[in-house]
């Protein structure tokens, strides 16, 4: 199982609303994530908008592709896009670039 970590930047003026939106993630979105191979998925958000994502998956590229193929993901990404800075035209899920792991304590 691969561990994947990524960073995104939430607009500081939208941090509170972003937190609220994630208190009630749509059940069909949660189901799609699980069925697409996203496991132990967490988001951490700093007050200045720095967002750290972590998940475990067998194949991150395959998990991303499986989610991209779902209708619920298209709706979710459209609603979330305005929350982020520096997407350069990409959807938030397309802007997730995994960080290189340099240390792991088991």
N, C-alpha and C. Protein backbone atom coordinates (compact mmCIF):
# COMPACT_ATOMS: atom_id res chain seq x y z
N UNK A 1 0.85 -1.18 0.00
CA UNK A 1 0.00 0.00 0.00
C UNK A 1 0.89 1.24 0.00
N UNK A 2 0.68 2.12 -0.94
CA UNK A 2 1.45 3.36 -1.02
C UNK A 2 0.81 4.44 -0.15
N UNK A 3 1.65 5.24 0.47
CA UNK A 3 1.20 6.40 1.23
C UNK A 3 1.42 7.62 0.34
N UNK A 4 0.41 8.45 0.21
CA UNK A 4 0.49 9.63 -0.66
C UNK A 4 0.17 10.86 0.16
N UNK A 5 1.01 11.89 0.04
CA UNK A 5 0.78 13.16 0.70
C UNK A 5 0.86 14.25 -0.36
N UNK A 6 -0.02 15.24 -0.26
CA UNK A 6 -0.03 16.35 -1.21
C UNK A 6 -0.40 17.64 -0.50
N UNK A 7 -0.07 18.77 -1.15
CA UNK A 7 -0.39 20.09 -0.62
C UNK A 7 -1.27 20.84 -1.61
N UNK A 8 -2.20 21.60 -1.10
CA UNK A 8 -2.98 22.56 -1.88
C UNK A 8 -3.12 23.81 -1.03
N UNK A 9 -3.59 24.89 -1.61
CA UNK A 9 -3.75 26.15 -0.87
C UNK A 9 -5.19 26.62 -1.00
N UNK A 10 -5.90 26.61 0.14
CA UNK A 10 -7.26 27.13 0.20
C UNK A 10 -7.18 28.64 0.39
N UNK A 11 -8.03 29.36 -0.33
CA UNK A 11 -8.06 30.82 -0.16
C UNK A 11 -8.37 31.12 1.30
N UNK A 12 -7.59 32.02 1.88
CA UNK A 12 -7.73 32.29 3.31
C UNK A 12 -9.12 32.80 3.67
N UNK A 13 -9.76 33.53 2.77
CA UNK A 13 -11.10 34.05 3.05
C UNK A 13 -12.18 32.97 2.93
N UNK A 14 -11.81 31.75 2.53
CA UNK A 14 -12.77 30.66 2.38
C UNK A 14 -12.49 29.49 3.32
N UNK A 15 -11.50 29.64 4.22
CA UNK A 15 -11.09 28.55 5.10
C UNK A 15 -12.26 28.05 5.96
N UNK A 16 -13.00 28.94 6.57
CA UNK A 16 -14.10 28.53 7.45
C UNK A 16 -15.16 27.76 6.66
N UNK A 17 -15.50 28.25 5.49
CA UNK A 17 -16.51 27.57 4.67
C UNK A 17 -15.99 26.22 4.17
N UNK A 18 -14.71 26.15 3.84
CA UNK A 18 -14.13 24.88 3.40
C UNK A 18 -14.25 23.84 4.52
N UNK A 19 -13.94 24.26 5.74
CA UNK A 19 -14.09 23.34 6.89
C UNK A 19 -15.54 22.87 7.02
N UNK A 20 -16.47 23.80 6.92
CA UNK A 20 -17.90 23.46 7.03
C UNK A 20 -18.32 22.45 5.96
N UNK A 21 -17.87 22.66 4.72
CA UNK A 21 -18.23 21.75 3.63
C UNK A 21 -17.76 20.33 3.90
N UNK A 22 -16.65 20.20 4.61
CA UNK A 22 -16.11 18.87 4.86
C UNK A 22 -16.68 18.22 6.12
N UNK A 23 -17.54 18.91 6.82
CA UNK A 23 -18.26 18.30 7.95
C UNK A 23 -19.36 17.38 7.44
N UNK A 24 -19.83 17.65 6.24
CA UNK A 24 -20.92 16.86 5.66
C UNK A 24 -20.63 16.53 4.20
N UNK A 25 -19.56 15.79 3.97
CA UNK A 25 -19.24 15.34 2.61
C UNK A 25 -20.35 14.41 2.15
N UNK A 26 -20.77 14.60 0.92
CA UNK A 26 -21.87 13.80 0.36
C UNK A 26 -21.58 12.30 0.51
N UNK A 27 -22.56 11.52 0.95
CA UNK A 27 -22.36 10.08 1.09
C UNK A 27 -21.91 9.42 -0.22
N UNK A 28 -22.44 9.87 -1.35
CA UNK A 28 -22.04 9.27 -2.63
C UNK A 28 -20.59 9.59 -2.98
N UNK A 29 -20.08 10.73 -2.48
CA UNK A 29 -18.67 11.07 -2.69
C UNK A 29 -17.80 10.17 -1.83
N UNK A 30 -18.18 9.96 -0.58
CA UNK A 30 -17.44 9.06 0.30
C UNK A 30 -17.39 7.65 -0.27
N UNK A 31 -18.52 7.20 -0.78
CA UNK A 31 -18.60 5.86 -1.37
C UNK A 31 -17.70 5.75 -2.60
N UNK A 32 -17.73 6.78 -3.46
CA UNK A 32 -16.90 6.77 -4.67
C UNK A 32 -15.41 6.74 -4.32
N UNK A 33 -15.01 7.51 -3.33
CA UNK A 33 -13.61 7.50 -2.91
C UNK A 33 -13.19 6.10 -2.47
N UNK A 34 -13.97 5.49 -1.61
CA UNK A 34 -13.64 4.14 -1.12
C UNK A 34 -13.59 3.14 -2.26
N UNK A 35 -14.59 3.19 -3.13
CA UNK A 35 -14.65 2.24 -4.24
C UNK A 35 -13.54 2.47 -5.26
N UNK A 36 -12.99 3.68 -5.30
CA UNK A 36 -11.92 4.01 -6.25
C UNK A 36 -10.52 3.74 -5.69
N UNK A 37 -10.46 3.25 -4.46
CA UNK A 37 -9.16 2.87 -3.90
C UNK A 37 -8.51 3.89 -3.00
N UNK A 38 -9.27 4.90 -2.54
CA UNK A 38 -8.75 5.89 -1.59
C UNK A 38 -9.03 5.37 -0.19
N UNK A 39 -7.99 5.12 0.58
CA UNK A 39 -8.15 4.58 1.91
C UNK A 39 -7.39 5.44 2.92
N UNK A 40 -7.88 5.45 4.15
CA UNK A 40 -7.24 6.19 5.23
C UNK A 40 -6.94 7.63 4.79
N UNK A 41 -7.92 8.24 4.14
CA UNK A 41 -7.79 9.57 3.53
C UNK A 41 -8.08 10.64 4.56
N UNK A 42 -7.15 11.57 4.72
CA UNK A 42 -7.31 12.68 5.67
C UNK A 42 -6.92 13.98 5.01
N UNK A 43 -7.57 15.06 5.42
CA UNK A 43 -7.19 16.41 5.04
C UNK A 43 -6.92 17.19 6.31
N UNK A 44 -5.82 17.94 6.30
CA UNK A 44 -5.45 18.79 7.43
C UNK A 44 -5.35 20.21 6.90
N UNK A 45 -5.96 21.16 7.60
CA UNK A 45 -6.03 22.54 7.12
C UNK A 45 -5.52 23.51 8.17
N UNK A 46 -4.51 24.29 7.79
CA UNK A 46 -3.96 25.33 8.65
C UNK A 46 -4.80 26.59 8.48
N UNK A 47 -4.79 27.48 9.47
CA UNK A 47 -5.60 28.70 9.43
C UNK A 47 -5.26 29.61 8.25
N UNK A 48 -4.03 29.53 7.75
CA UNK A 48 -3.65 30.37 6.60
C UNK A 48 -4.05 29.74 5.27
N UNK A 49 -4.67 28.57 5.30
CA UNK A 49 -5.17 27.93 4.08
C UNK A 49 -4.31 26.80 3.55
N UNK A 50 -3.17 26.54 4.16
CA UNK A 50 -2.36 25.41 3.70
C UNK A 50 -3.12 24.12 3.98
N UNK A 51 -3.35 23.35 2.94
CA UNK A 51 -4.08 22.08 3.05
C UNK A 51 -3.11 20.94 2.78
N UNK A 52 -3.06 20.00 3.72
CA UNK A 52 -2.23 18.81 3.56
C UNK A 52 -3.17 17.62 3.45
N UNK A 53 -3.01 16.87 2.39
CA UNK A 53 -3.82 15.67 2.20
C UNK A 53 -2.97 14.43 2.33
N UNK A 54 -3.55 13.38 2.88
CA UNK A 54 -2.85 12.10 3.05
C UNK A 54 -3.83 10.99 2.73
N UNK A 55 -3.35 10.00 1.99
CA UNK A 55 -4.18 8.82 1.72
C UNK A 55 -3.27 7.63 1.50
N UNK A 56 -3.88 6.48 1.56
CA UNK A 56 -3.18 5.23 1.24
C UNK A 56 -3.94 4.57 0.11
N UNK A 57 -3.21 4.02 -0.84
CA UNK A 57 -3.82 3.41 -2.02
C UNK A 57 -2.85 2.43 -2.66
N UNK A 58 -3.37 1.50 -3.39
CA UNK A 58 -2.51 0.55 -4.12
C UNK A 58 -1.82 1.25 -5.27
N UNK A 59 -2.53 2.16 -5.96
CA UNK A 59 -1.99 2.82 -7.15
C UNK A 59 -2.65 4.19 -7.24
N UNK A 60 -1.90 5.25 -6.93
CA UNK A 60 -2.47 6.60 -6.89
C UNK A 60 -3.01 7.04 -8.25
N UNK A 61 -2.27 6.79 -9.31
CA UNK A 61 -2.74 7.18 -10.65
C UNK A 61 -4.05 6.49 -10.99
N UNK A 62 -4.15 5.21 -10.66
CA UNK A 62 -5.39 4.46 -10.93
C UNK A 62 -6.53 4.97 -10.06
N UNK A 63 -6.24 5.30 -8.80
CA UNK A 63 -7.27 5.82 -7.89
C UNK A 63 -7.76 7.18 -8.37
N UNK A 64 -6.85 8.03 -8.84
CA UNK A 64 -7.25 9.33 -9.39
C UNK A 64 -8.10 9.15 -10.64
N UNK A 65 -7.69 8.26 -11.52
CA UNK A 65 -8.44 8.02 -12.76
C UNK A 65 -9.83 7.47 -12.47
N UNK A 66 -9.92 6.57 -11.51
CA UNK A 66 -11.23 6.00 -11.16
C UNK A 66 -12.16 7.09 -10.62
N UNK A 67 -11.63 7.97 -9.79
CA UNK A 67 -12.45 9.08 -9.28
C UNK A 67 -12.83 10.04 -10.40
N UNK A 68 -11.90 10.35 -11.28
CA UNK A 68 -12.17 11.28 -12.37
C UNK A 68 -13.29 10.78 -13.28
N UNK A 69 -13.49 9.49 -13.30
CA UNK A 69 -14.53 8.90 -14.15
C UNK A 69 -15.92 8.93 -13.52
N UNK A 70 -16.02 9.38 -12.28
CA UNK A 70 -17.32 9.39 -11.61
C UNK A 70 -18.03 10.73 -11.78
N UNK A 71 -19.34 10.66 -11.87
CA UNK A 71 -20.16 11.87 -11.99
C UNK A 71 -20.12 12.69 -10.71
N UNK A 72 -20.12 12.03 -9.56
CA UNK A 72 -20.12 12.75 -8.29
C UNK A 72 -18.83 13.55 -8.12
N UNK A 73 -17.73 13.02 -8.59
CA UNK A 73 -16.47 13.75 -8.48
C UNK A 73 -16.50 15.02 -9.34
N UNK A 74 -17.07 14.93 -10.52
CA UNK A 74 -17.18 16.12 -11.38
C UNK A 74 -17.98 17.22 -10.67
N UNK A 75 -19.08 16.84 -10.03
CA UNK A 75 -19.90 17.82 -9.29
C UNK A 75 -19.13 18.40 -8.11
N UNK A 76 -18.45 17.54 -7.35
CA UNK A 76 -17.71 17.98 -6.16
C UNK A 76 -16.58 18.91 -6.56
N UNK A 77 -15.81 18.55 -7.56
CA UNK A 77 -14.69 19.37 -8.00
C UNK A 77 -15.16 20.73 -8.50
N UNK A 78 -16.29 20.76 -9.20
CA UNK A 78 -16.84 22.04 -9.68
C UNK A 78 -17.21 22.94 -8.51
N UNK A 79 -17.78 22.36 -7.46
CA UNK A 79 -18.15 23.15 -6.29
C UNK A 79 -16.95 23.60 -5.47
N UNK A 80 -15.89 22.82 -5.46
CA UNK A 80 -14.72 23.12 -4.63
C UNK A 80 -13.69 24.01 -5.32
N UNK A 81 -13.70 24.10 -6.62
CA UNK A 81 -12.64 24.80 -7.37
C UNK A 81 -12.41 26.22 -6.88
N UNK A 82 -13.46 26.96 -6.57
CA UNK A 82 -13.31 28.36 -6.16
C UNK A 82 -12.69 28.53 -4.78
N UNK A 83 -12.53 27.46 -4.04
CA UNK A 83 -11.92 27.53 -2.72
C UNK A 83 -10.39 27.62 -2.78
N UNK A 84 -9.80 27.26 -3.92
CA UNK A 84 -8.36 27.09 -4.00
C UNK A 84 -7.65 28.20 -4.75
N UNK A 85 -6.40 28.41 -4.36
CA UNK A 85 -5.49 29.32 -5.05
C UNK A 85 -4.60 28.51 -5.99
N UNK A 86 -4.12 29.16 -7.02
CA UNK A 86 -3.06 28.65 -7.89
C UNK A 86 -3.35 27.30 -8.52
N UNK A 87 -4.56 27.10 -9.01
CA UNK A 87 -4.86 25.85 -9.70
C UNK A 87 -4.47 25.91 -11.17
N UNK A 88 -4.23 27.11 -11.69
CA UNK A 88 -3.82 27.29 -13.08
C UNK A 88 -4.72 26.55 -14.06
N UNK A 89 -6.03 26.65 -13.84
CA UNK A 89 -6.98 26.03 -14.75
C UNK A 89 -7.29 24.58 -14.48
N UNK A 90 -6.55 23.95 -13.58
CA UNK A 90 -6.80 22.54 -13.26
C UNK A 90 -7.88 22.43 -12.19
N UNK A 91 -8.54 21.29 -12.15
CA UNK A 91 -9.45 21.02 -11.04
C UNK A 91 -8.60 20.72 -9.80
N UNK A 92 -9.16 20.89 -8.60
CA UNK A 92 -8.38 20.59 -7.39
C UNK A 92 -7.80 19.17 -7.38
N UNK A 93 -8.59 18.19 -7.84
CA UNK A 93 -8.09 16.81 -7.82
C UNK A 93 -6.98 16.59 -8.85
N UNK A 94 -6.92 17.43 -9.88
CA UNK A 94 -5.84 17.33 -10.86
C UNK A 94 -4.58 18.05 -10.38
N UNK A 95 -4.74 18.99 -9.45
CA UNK A 95 -3.61 19.77 -8.95
C UNK A 95 -2.86 19.07 -7.82
N UNK A 96 -3.36 17.94 -7.36
CA UNK A 96 -2.69 17.21 -6.28
C UNK A 96 -1.44 16.54 -6.82
N UNK A 97 -0.30 17.05 -6.42
CA UNK A 97 0.98 16.47 -6.83
C UNK A 97 1.62 15.83 -5.60
N UNK A 98 1.79 14.50 -5.62
CA UNK A 98 2.34 13.84 -4.44
C UNK A 98 3.73 14.35 -4.07
N UNK A 99 3.94 14.48 -2.78
CA UNK A 99 5.25 14.84 -2.25
C UNK A 99 6.11 13.58 -2.18
N UNK A 100 7.40 13.75 -2.24
CA UNK A 100 8.33 12.62 -2.12
C UNK A 100 8.55 12.32 -0.65
N UNK A 101 8.31 11.08 -0.27
CA UNK A 101 8.54 10.68 1.11
C UNK A 101 10.03 10.54 1.34
N UNK A 102 10.52 11.16 2.39
CA UNK A 102 11.94 11.08 2.71
C UNK A 102 12.22 10.34 4.02
N UNK A 103 11.17 10.08 4.79
CA UNK A 103 11.36 9.35 6.04
C UNK A 103 10.02 8.78 6.48
N UNK A 104 10.07 7.58 7.06
CA UNK A 104 8.89 6.93 7.61
C UNK A 104 9.30 6.04 8.77
N UNK A 105 8.74 6.27 9.93
CA UNK A 105 8.99 5.44 11.10
C UNK A 105 7.85 4.46 11.23
N UNK A 106 8.16 3.19 11.24
CA UNK A 106 7.13 2.16 11.38
C UNK A 106 6.96 1.81 12.85
